[in-house]
Amino acid sequence: MNTKNLIFAFGIGLTVGASVALLYAPQSGASTRKKLKRSAEDASDYLEDTAEYLKEQAERFSSEAEKLVKRARSTVDDTIDQAGGIVAGALKTAQKLV
């Protein structure tokens, strides 16, 4: 389990645990509902932040993958050019021998 999933699971567990604890706490119903609402809002904010973080990471990984593909394409093109030069040189040498 990666760190982000662990943090996400912890946040959900914390929210559920806090909600259950509030339900069994000796408080008035209005106070308990207010705290539950606040906990739900906090969980919503946390999920939005997590979604934004994951989106940023996906964009970063996409950008890095694109750079790697361009670098690989450049390396392949260079290798093909070098191989073409070697073949052309070998062809000239073979023609001189014939």
C-alpha atoms as a PDB file:
ATOM      1  CA  MET A   1       0.000   0.000   0.000  1.00  0.00           C
ATOM      2  CA  ASN A   2       1.541   3.309  -1.002  1.00  0.00           C
ATOM      3  CA  THR A   3       1.719   6.290   1.303  1.00  0.00           C
ATOM      4  CA  LYS A   4      -1.138   8.207  -0.306  1.00  0.00           C
ATOM      5  CA  ASN A   5      -3.505   5.222   0.044  1.00  0.00           C
ATOM      6  CA  LEU A   6      -2.427   4.764   3.643  1.00  0.00           C
ATOM      7  CA  ILE A   7      -3.115   8.420   4.429  1.00  0.00           C
ATOM      8  CA  PHE A   8      -6.458   8.221   2.647  1.00  0.00           C
ATOM      9  CA  ALA A   9      -7.464   5.086   4.604  1.00  0.00           C
ATOM     10  CA  PHE A  10      -6.339   6.729   7.851  1.00  0.00           C
ATOM     11  CA  GLY A  11      -8.429   9.832   7.086  1.00  0.00           C
ATOM     12  CA  ILE A  12     -11.521   7.755   6.368  1.00  0.00           C
ATOM     13  CA  GLY A  13     -10.972   5.678   9.513  1.00  0.00           C
ATOM     14  CA  LEU A  14     -10.482   8.804  11.574  1.00  0.00           C
ATOM     15  CA  THR A  15     -13.703  10.305  10.251  1.00  0.00           C
ATOM     16  CA  VAL A  16     -15.711   7.138  10.873  1.00  0.00           C
ATOM     17  CA  GLY A  17     -14.198   6.724  14.340  1.00  0.00           C
ATOM     18  CA  ALA A  18     -14.919  10.319  15.253  1.00  0.00           C
ATOM     19  CA  SER A  19     -18.504   9.980  14.030  1.00  0.00           C
ATOM     20  CA  VAL A  20     -19.104   6.841  16.099  1.00  0.00           C
ATOM     21  CA  ALA A  21     -17.502   8.443  19.158  1.00  0.00           C
ATOM     22  CA  LEU A  22     -19.755  11.472  18.792  1.00  0.00           C
ATOM     23  CA  LEU A  23     -22.823   9.287  18.566  1.00  0.00           C
ATOM     24  CA  TYR A  24     -21.999   7.669  21.910  1.00  0.00           C
ATOM     25  CA  ALA A  25     -20.808  10.839  23.628  1.00  0.00           C
ATOM     26  CA  PRO A  26     -23.013  12.323  26.353  1.00  0.00           C
ATOM     27  CA  GLN A  27     -23.943  15.506  24.490  1.00  0.00           C
ATOM     28  CA  SER A  28     -27.108  17.076  23.247  1.00  0.00           C
ATOM     29  CA  GLY A  29     -28.396  16.038  19.843  1.00  0.00           C
ATOM     30  CA  ALA A  30     -27.861  19.497  18.386  1.00  0.00           C
ATOM     31  CA  SER A  31     -24.243  19.570  19.501  1.00  0.00           C
ATOM     32  CA  THR A  32     -23.641  16.065  18.173  1.00  0.00           C
ATOM     33  CA  ARG A  33     -25.214  16.902  14.806  1.00  0.00           C
ATOM     34  CA  LYS A  34     -23.104  20.051  14.578  1.00  0.00           C
ATOM     35  CA  LYS A  35     -19.926  18.065  15.211  1.00  0.00           C
ATOM     36  CA  LEU A  36     -20.968  15.390  12.707  1.00  0.00           C
ATOM     37  CA  LYS A  37     -21.592  18.075  10.099  1.00  0.00           C
ATOM     38  CA  ARG A  38     -18.187  19.601  10.777  1.00  0.00           C
ATOM     39  CA  SER A  39     -16.550  16.163  10.499  1.00  0.00           C
ATOM     40  CA  ALA A  40     -18.311  15.522   7.191  1.00  0.00           C
ATOM     41  CA  GLU A  41     -17.149  18.898   5.874  1.00  0.00           C
ATOM     42  CA  ASP A  42     -13.589  18.153   6.990  1.00  0.00           C
ATOM     43  CA  ALA A  43     -13.725  14.768   5.245  1.00  0.00           C
ATOM     44  CA  SER A  44     -15.045  16.445   2.099  1.00  0.00           C
ATOM     45  CA  ASP A  45     -12.207  18.974   2.176  1.00  0.00           C
ATOM     46  CA  TYR A  46      -9.692  16.178   2.705  1.00  0.00           C
ATOM     47  CA  LEU A  47     -11.053  14.226  -0.253  1.00  0.00           C
ATOM     48  CA  GLU A  48     -10.925  17.319  -2.467  1.00  0.00           C
ATOM     49  CA  ASP A  49      -7.318  17.961  -1.446  1.00  0.00           C
ATOM     50  CA  THR A  50      -6.438  14.324  -2.096  1.00  0.00           C
ATOM     51  CA  ALA A  51      -8.081  14.412  -5.519  1.00  0.00           C
ATOM     52  CA  GLU A  52      -6.169  17.576  -6.413  1.00  0.00           C
ATOM     53  CA  TYR A  53      -2.896  16.023  -5.260  1.00  0.00           C
ATOM     54  CA  LEU A  54      -3.530  12.886  -7.305  1.00  0.00           C
ATOM     55  CA  LYS A  55      -4.384  14.978 -10.361  1.00  0.00           C
ATOM     56  CA  GLU A  56      -1.132  16.932 -10.008  1.00  0.00           C
ATOM     57  CA  GLN A  57       0.857  13.716  -9.647  1.00  0.00           C
ATOM     58  CA  ALA A  58      -0.815  12.187 -12.708  1.00  0.00           C
ATOM     59  CA  GLU A  59       0.038  15.295 -14.735  1.00  0.00           C
ATOM     60  CA  ARG A  60       3.636  15.185 -13.515  1.00  0.00           C
ATOM     61  CA  PHE A  61       4.007  11.492 -14.342  1.00  0.00           C
ATOM     62  CA  SER A  62       2.462  12.084 -17.765  1.00  0.00           C
ATOM     63  CA  SER A  63       4.928  14.873 -18.450  1.00  0.00           C
ATOM     64  CA  GLU A  64       7.857  12.711 -17.340  1.00  0.00           C
ATOM     65  CA  ALA A  65       6.666   9.807 -19.499  1.00  0.00           C
ATOM     66  CA  GLU A  66       6.394  12.137 -22.494  1.00  0.00           C
ATOM     67  CA  LYS A  67       9.961  13.329 -21.925  1.00  0.00           C
ATOM     68  CA  LEU A  68      11.199   9.733 -21.723  1.00  0.00           C
ATOM     69  CA  VAL A  69       9.428   8.818 -24.964  1.00  0.00           C
ATOM     70  CA  LYS A  70      10.972  11.822 -26.736  1.00  0.00           C
ATOM     71  CA  ARG A  71      14.410  10.915 -25.393  1.00  0.00           C
ATOM     72  CA  ALA A  72      14.014   7.289 -26.487  1.00  0.00           C
ATOM     73  CA  ARG A  73      12.814   8.374 -29.940  1.00  0.00           C
ATOM     74  CA  SER A  74      15.844  10.652 -30.269  1.00  0.00           C
ATOM     75  CA  THR A  75      18.183   7.831 -29.245  1.00  0.00           C
ATOM     76  CA  VAL A  76      16.587   5.453 -31.758  1.00  0.00           C
ATOM     77  CA  ASP A  77      16.829   8.070 -34.511  1.00  0.00           C
ATOM     78  CA  ASP A  78      20.521   8.668 -33.705  1.00  0.00           C
ATOM     79  CA  THR A  79      21.198   4.933 -33.713  1.00  0.00           C
ATOM     80  CA  ILE A  80      19.453   4.511 -37.075  1.00  0.00           C
ATOM     81  CA  ASP A  81      21.475   7.401 -38.527  1.00  0.00           C
ATOM     82  CA  GLN A  82      24.724   5.855 -37.265  1.00  0.00           C
ATOM     83  CA  ALA A  83      23.770   2.451 -38.623  1.00  0.00           C
ATOM     84  CA  GLY A  84      22.952   4.046 -41.987  1.00  0.00           C
ATOM     85  CA  GLY A  85      26.377   5.669 -42.046  1.00  0.00           C
ATOM     86  CA  ILE A  86      28.068   2.378 -41.244  1.00  0.00           C
ATOM     87  CA  VAL A  87      26.104   0.566 -43.963  1.00  0.00           C
ATOM     88  CA  ALA A  88      26.912   3.294 -46.498  1.00  0.00           C
ATOM     89  CA  GLY A  89      30.607   3.075 -45.592  1.00  0.00           C
ATOM     90  CA  ALA A  90      30.551  -0.699 -45.881  1.00  0.00           C
ATOM     91  CA  LEU A  91      28.814  -0.445 -49.267  1.00  0.00           C
ATOM     92  CA  LYS A  92      31.486   1.957 -50.575  1.00  0.00           C
ATOM     93  CA  THR A  93      34.223  -0.349 -49.324  1.00  0.00           C
ATOM     94  CA  ALA A  94      32.546  -3.344 -50.966  1.00  0.00           C
ATOM     95  CA  GLN A  95      32.239  -1.452 -54.279  1.00  0.00           C
ATOM     96  CA  LYS A  96      35.911  -0.568 -54.195  1.00  0.00           C
ATOM     97  CA  LEU A  97      36.786  -4.220 -53.733  1.00  0.00           C
ATOM     98  CA  VAL A  98      34.684  -5.283 -56.679  1.00  0.00           C
END
